[in-house]
N, C-alpha and C. Protein backbone atom coordinates (compact mmCIF):
# COMPACT_ATOMS: atom_id res chain seq x y z
N UNK A 1 -10.33 -6.98 24.79
CA UNK A 1 -9.86 -6.75 23.44
C UNK A 1 -8.72 -7.72 23.14
N UNK A 2 -8.65 -8.13 21.89
CA UNK A 2 -7.56 -9.01 21.49
C UNK A 2 -7.08 -8.65 20.09
N UNK A 3 -5.85 -9.05 19.80
CA UNK A 3 -5.28 -8.82 18.48
C UNK A 3 -5.59 -10.01 17.61
N UNK A 4 -6.14 -9.74 16.41
CA UNK A 4 -6.47 -10.82 15.48
C UNK A 4 -5.99 -10.44 14.08
N UNK A 5 -5.79 -11.45 13.28
CA UNK A 5 -5.41 -11.24 11.88
C UNK A 5 -6.67 -10.93 11.07
N UNK A 6 -6.66 -9.85 10.29
CA UNK A 6 -7.85 -9.51 9.51
C UNK A 6 -8.15 -10.52 8.40
N UNK A 7 -7.15 -11.22 7.90
CA UNK A 7 -7.37 -12.22 6.85
C UNK A 7 -7.92 -13.51 7.46
N UNK A 8 -7.31 -13.97 8.53
CA UNK A 8 -7.78 -15.20 9.19
C UNK A 8 -9.21 -15.06 9.69
N UNK A 9 -9.60 -13.87 10.07
CA UNK A 9 -10.92 -13.63 10.66
C UNK A 9 -11.91 -13.01 9.68
N UNK A 10 -11.59 -13.04 8.39
CA UNK A 10 -12.48 -12.56 7.32
C UNK A 10 -12.90 -11.10 7.49
N UNK A 11 -12.01 -10.29 8.07
CA UNK A 11 -12.27 -8.86 8.18
C UNK A 11 -11.73 -8.12 6.95
N UNK A 12 -10.88 -8.79 6.19
CA UNK A 12 -10.27 -8.25 4.97
C UNK A 12 -10.05 -9.42 4.03
N UNK A 13 -9.71 -9.13 2.80
CA UNK A 13 -9.46 -10.20 1.85
C UNK A 13 -8.24 -9.88 1.00
N UNK A 14 -7.70 -10.89 0.36
CA UNK A 14 -6.54 -10.71 -0.51
C UNK A 14 -7.01 -10.07 -1.81
N UNK A 15 -6.46 -8.92 -2.13
CA UNK A 15 -6.80 -8.20 -3.37
C UNK A 15 -5.52 -7.89 -4.13
N UNK A 16 -4.82 -8.93 -4.54
CA UNK A 16 -3.57 -8.74 -5.25
C UNK A 16 -3.62 -9.48 -6.58
N UNK A 17 -3.04 -8.86 -7.59
CA UNK A 17 -2.90 -9.51 -8.88
C UNK A 17 -1.52 -10.13 -8.95
N UNK A 18 -1.44 -11.26 -9.61
CA UNK A 18 -0.16 -11.96 -9.76
C UNK A 18 0.78 -11.11 -10.62
N UNK A 19 2.01 -10.89 -10.16
CA UNK A 19 2.95 -10.08 -10.94
C UNK A 19 3.42 -10.79 -12.22
N UNK A 20 3.23 -12.10 -12.29
CA UNK A 20 3.65 -12.84 -13.49
C UNK A 20 2.57 -12.90 -14.56
N UNK A 21 1.34 -13.23 -14.16
CA UNK A 21 0.30 -13.45 -15.17
C UNK A 21 -0.89 -12.51 -15.05
N UNK A 22 -0.99 -11.75 -13.96
CA UNK A 22 -2.07 -10.78 -13.80
C UNK A 22 -3.36 -11.35 -13.23
N UNK A 23 -3.42 -12.65 -12.98
CA UNK A 23 -4.63 -13.26 -12.42
C UNK A 23 -4.73 -12.93 -10.94
N UNK A 24 -5.92 -13.09 -10.38
CA UNK A 24 -6.16 -12.83 -8.95
C UNK A 24 -5.45 -13.88 -8.10
N UNK A 25 -4.75 -13.41 -7.07
CA UNK A 25 -4.06 -14.32 -6.16
C UNK A 25 -5.00 -14.70 -5.02
N UNK A 26 -4.74 -15.84 -4.39
CA UNK A 26 -5.58 -16.35 -3.32
C UNK A 26 -4.76 -16.58 -2.06
N UNK A 27 -5.46 -16.58 -0.93
CA UNK A 27 -4.82 -16.83 0.36
C UNK A 27 -4.64 -18.33 0.52
N UNK A 28 -3.42 -18.74 0.83
CA UNK A 28 -3.12 -20.15 1.08
C UNK A 28 -3.06 -20.47 2.55
N UNK A 29 -3.40 -19.50 3.40
CA UNK A 29 -3.37 -19.72 4.85
C UNK A 29 -2.09 -19.18 5.47
N UNK A 30 -2.03 -19.25 6.77
CA UNK A 30 -0.87 -18.73 7.48
C UNK A 30 0.31 -19.69 7.33
N UNK A 31 1.51 -19.15 7.44
CA UNK A 31 2.69 -20.01 7.37
C UNK A 31 2.73 -20.99 8.53
N UNK A 32 2.11 -20.64 9.64
CA UNK A 32 2.06 -21.54 10.80
C UNK A 32 1.35 -22.83 10.45
N UNK A 33 0.41 -22.79 9.51
CA UNK A 33 -0.31 -24.00 9.10
C UNK A 33 0.62 -25.01 8.45
N UNK A 34 1.75 -24.55 7.95
CA UNK A 34 2.69 -25.42 7.25
C UNK A 34 3.81 -25.93 8.15
N UNK A 35 3.81 -25.53 9.43
CA UNK A 35 4.93 -25.87 10.32
C UNK A 35 4.86 -27.27 10.91
N UNK A 36 3.70 -27.81 11.08
CA UNK A 36 3.60 -29.12 11.70
C UNK A 36 2.23 -29.72 11.49
N UNK A 37 2.06 -30.99 11.80
CA UNK A 37 0.80 -31.66 11.51
C UNK A 37 -0.40 -31.14 12.30
N UNK A 38 -0.16 -30.57 13.48
CA UNK A 38 -1.28 -30.10 14.28
C UNK A 38 -1.34 -28.58 14.38
N UNK A 39 -0.43 -27.86 13.73
CA UNK A 39 -0.41 -26.41 13.89
C UNK A 39 -1.70 -25.70 13.48
N UNK A 40 -2.43 -26.13 12.43
CA UNK A 40 -3.67 -25.41 12.11
C UNK A 40 -4.73 -25.53 13.19
N UNK A 41 -4.60 -26.54 14.06
CA UNK A 41 -5.63 -26.79 15.07
C UNK A 41 -5.26 -26.24 16.44
N UNK A 42 -4.09 -25.63 16.55
CA UNK A 42 -3.66 -25.10 17.84
C UNK A 42 -4.25 -23.71 18.07
N UNK A 43 -4.46 -23.39 19.32
CA UNK A 43 -4.97 -22.08 19.71
C UNK A 43 -3.94 -21.01 19.38
N UNK A 44 -4.40 -19.81 19.07
CA UNK A 44 -3.51 -18.71 18.72
C UNK A 44 -2.61 -18.27 19.85
N UNK A 45 -2.87 -18.73 21.08
CA UNK A 45 -2.05 -18.35 22.22
C UNK A 45 -0.63 -18.89 22.13
N UNK A 46 -0.37 -19.88 21.28
CA UNK A 46 0.97 -20.44 21.17
C UNK A 46 1.89 -19.60 20.31
N UNK A 47 1.36 -18.55 19.66
CA UNK A 47 2.18 -17.68 18.82
C UNK A 47 3.20 -16.96 19.71
N UNK A 48 4.47 -16.99 19.36
CA UNK A 48 5.47 -16.28 20.18
C UNK A 48 5.14 -14.80 20.31
N UNK A 49 5.47 -14.23 21.45
CA UNK A 49 5.12 -12.83 21.71
C UNK A 49 5.73 -11.88 20.68
N UNK A 50 6.92 -12.15 20.20
CA UNK A 50 7.52 -11.24 19.22
C UNK A 50 6.78 -11.31 17.88
N UNK A 51 6.12 -12.42 17.58
CA UNK A 51 5.34 -12.53 16.35
C UNK A 51 4.06 -11.71 16.44
N UNK A 52 3.51 -11.55 17.64
CA UNK A 52 2.28 -10.79 17.79
C UNK A 52 2.51 -9.34 17.39
N UNK A 53 3.67 -8.80 17.70
CA UNK A 53 3.97 -7.42 17.30
C UNK A 53 4.28 -7.33 15.81
N UNK A 54 4.73 -8.41 15.22
CA UNK A 54 5.16 -8.41 13.82
C UNK A 54 3.99 -8.48 12.85
N UNK A 55 3.06 -9.37 13.07
CA UNK A 55 1.92 -9.54 12.18
C UNK A 55 1.69 -11.01 11.86
N UNK A 56 0.76 -11.27 10.98
CA UNK A 56 0.39 -12.62 10.59
C UNK A 56 0.85 -12.85 9.15
N UNK A 57 1.75 -13.80 8.94
CA UNK A 57 2.31 -14.05 7.62
C UNK A 57 1.50 -15.13 6.91
N UNK A 58 1.04 -14.79 5.71
CA UNK A 58 0.25 -15.72 4.90
C UNK A 58 0.98 -16.06 3.61
N UNK A 59 0.73 -17.26 3.12
CA UNK A 59 1.18 -17.65 1.80
C UNK A 59 0.08 -17.21 0.83
N UNK A 60 0.43 -16.35 -0.12
CA UNK A 60 -0.52 -15.88 -1.13
C UNK A 60 -0.04 -16.45 -2.45
N UNK A 61 -0.93 -17.14 -3.17
CA UNK A 61 -0.51 -17.85 -4.38
C UNK A 61 -1.44 -17.57 -5.56
N UNK A 62 -0.92 -17.84 -6.74
CA UNK A 62 -1.69 -17.71 -7.96
C UNK A 62 -2.09 -19.12 -8.41
N UNK A 63 -3.38 -19.42 -8.48
CA UNK A 63 -3.80 -20.76 -8.90
C UNK A 63 -3.55 -21.01 -10.40
N UNK A 64 -3.31 -19.94 -11.14
CA UNK A 64 -3.11 -20.08 -12.58
C UNK A 64 -1.67 -20.47 -12.93
N UNK A 65 -0.69 -19.70 -12.43
CA UNK A 65 0.72 -19.96 -12.80
C UNK A 65 1.55 -20.50 -11.63
N UNK A 66 0.94 -20.64 -10.45
CA UNK A 66 1.57 -21.22 -9.26
C UNK A 66 2.65 -20.35 -8.63
N UNK A 67 2.67 -19.07 -8.94
CA UNK A 67 3.58 -18.13 -8.28
C UNK A 67 3.08 -17.92 -6.86
N UNK A 68 4.00 -17.81 -5.90
CA UNK A 68 3.56 -17.52 -4.53
C UNK A 68 4.50 -16.54 -3.86
N UNK A 69 3.94 -15.83 -2.90
CA UNK A 69 4.69 -14.87 -2.08
C UNK A 69 4.20 -14.97 -0.65
N UNK A 70 4.96 -14.42 0.25
CA UNK A 70 4.54 -14.31 1.65
C UNK A 70 4.16 -12.87 1.90
N UNK A 71 3.00 -12.68 2.53
CA UNK A 71 2.49 -11.33 2.81
C UNK A 71 2.18 -11.26 4.30
N UNK A 72 2.59 -10.18 4.94
CA UNK A 72 2.35 -9.98 6.36
C UNK A 72 1.22 -8.97 6.54
N UNK A 73 0.20 -9.37 7.29
CA UNK A 73 -0.89 -8.46 7.64
C UNK A 73 -0.72 -8.09 9.10
N UNK A 74 -0.86 -6.82 9.40
CA UNK A 74 -0.81 -6.35 10.78
C UNK A 74 -2.06 -6.80 11.51
N UNK A 75 -1.88 -7.18 12.76
CA UNK A 75 -3.02 -7.55 13.59
C UNK A 75 -3.87 -6.31 13.86
N UNK A 76 -5.18 -6.54 14.02
CA UNK A 76 -6.10 -5.47 14.39
C UNK A 76 -6.68 -5.82 15.76
N UNK A 77 -7.08 -4.80 16.48
CA UNK A 77 -7.67 -5.01 17.80
C UNK A 77 -9.18 -5.01 17.67
N UNK A 78 -9.79 -6.08 18.20
CA UNK A 78 -11.26 -6.14 18.18
C UNK A 78 -11.79 -6.28 19.59
């Protein structure tokens, strides 16, 4: 068994409306993807142990008005 992010693994989806304009918000990927040039291609084993207990933080954005927020999804065991 392993802990995985339900958004990264398509087990769940972003279902949030933008608080500014009401349009559907989209997943912009994990914040780790924005940390360095190779971070999206690294294995999940490099995630610090304290982050595994915390969850997976994603950038969620509105393509209409460009509002964005960070949302944390708890890992699920599969």
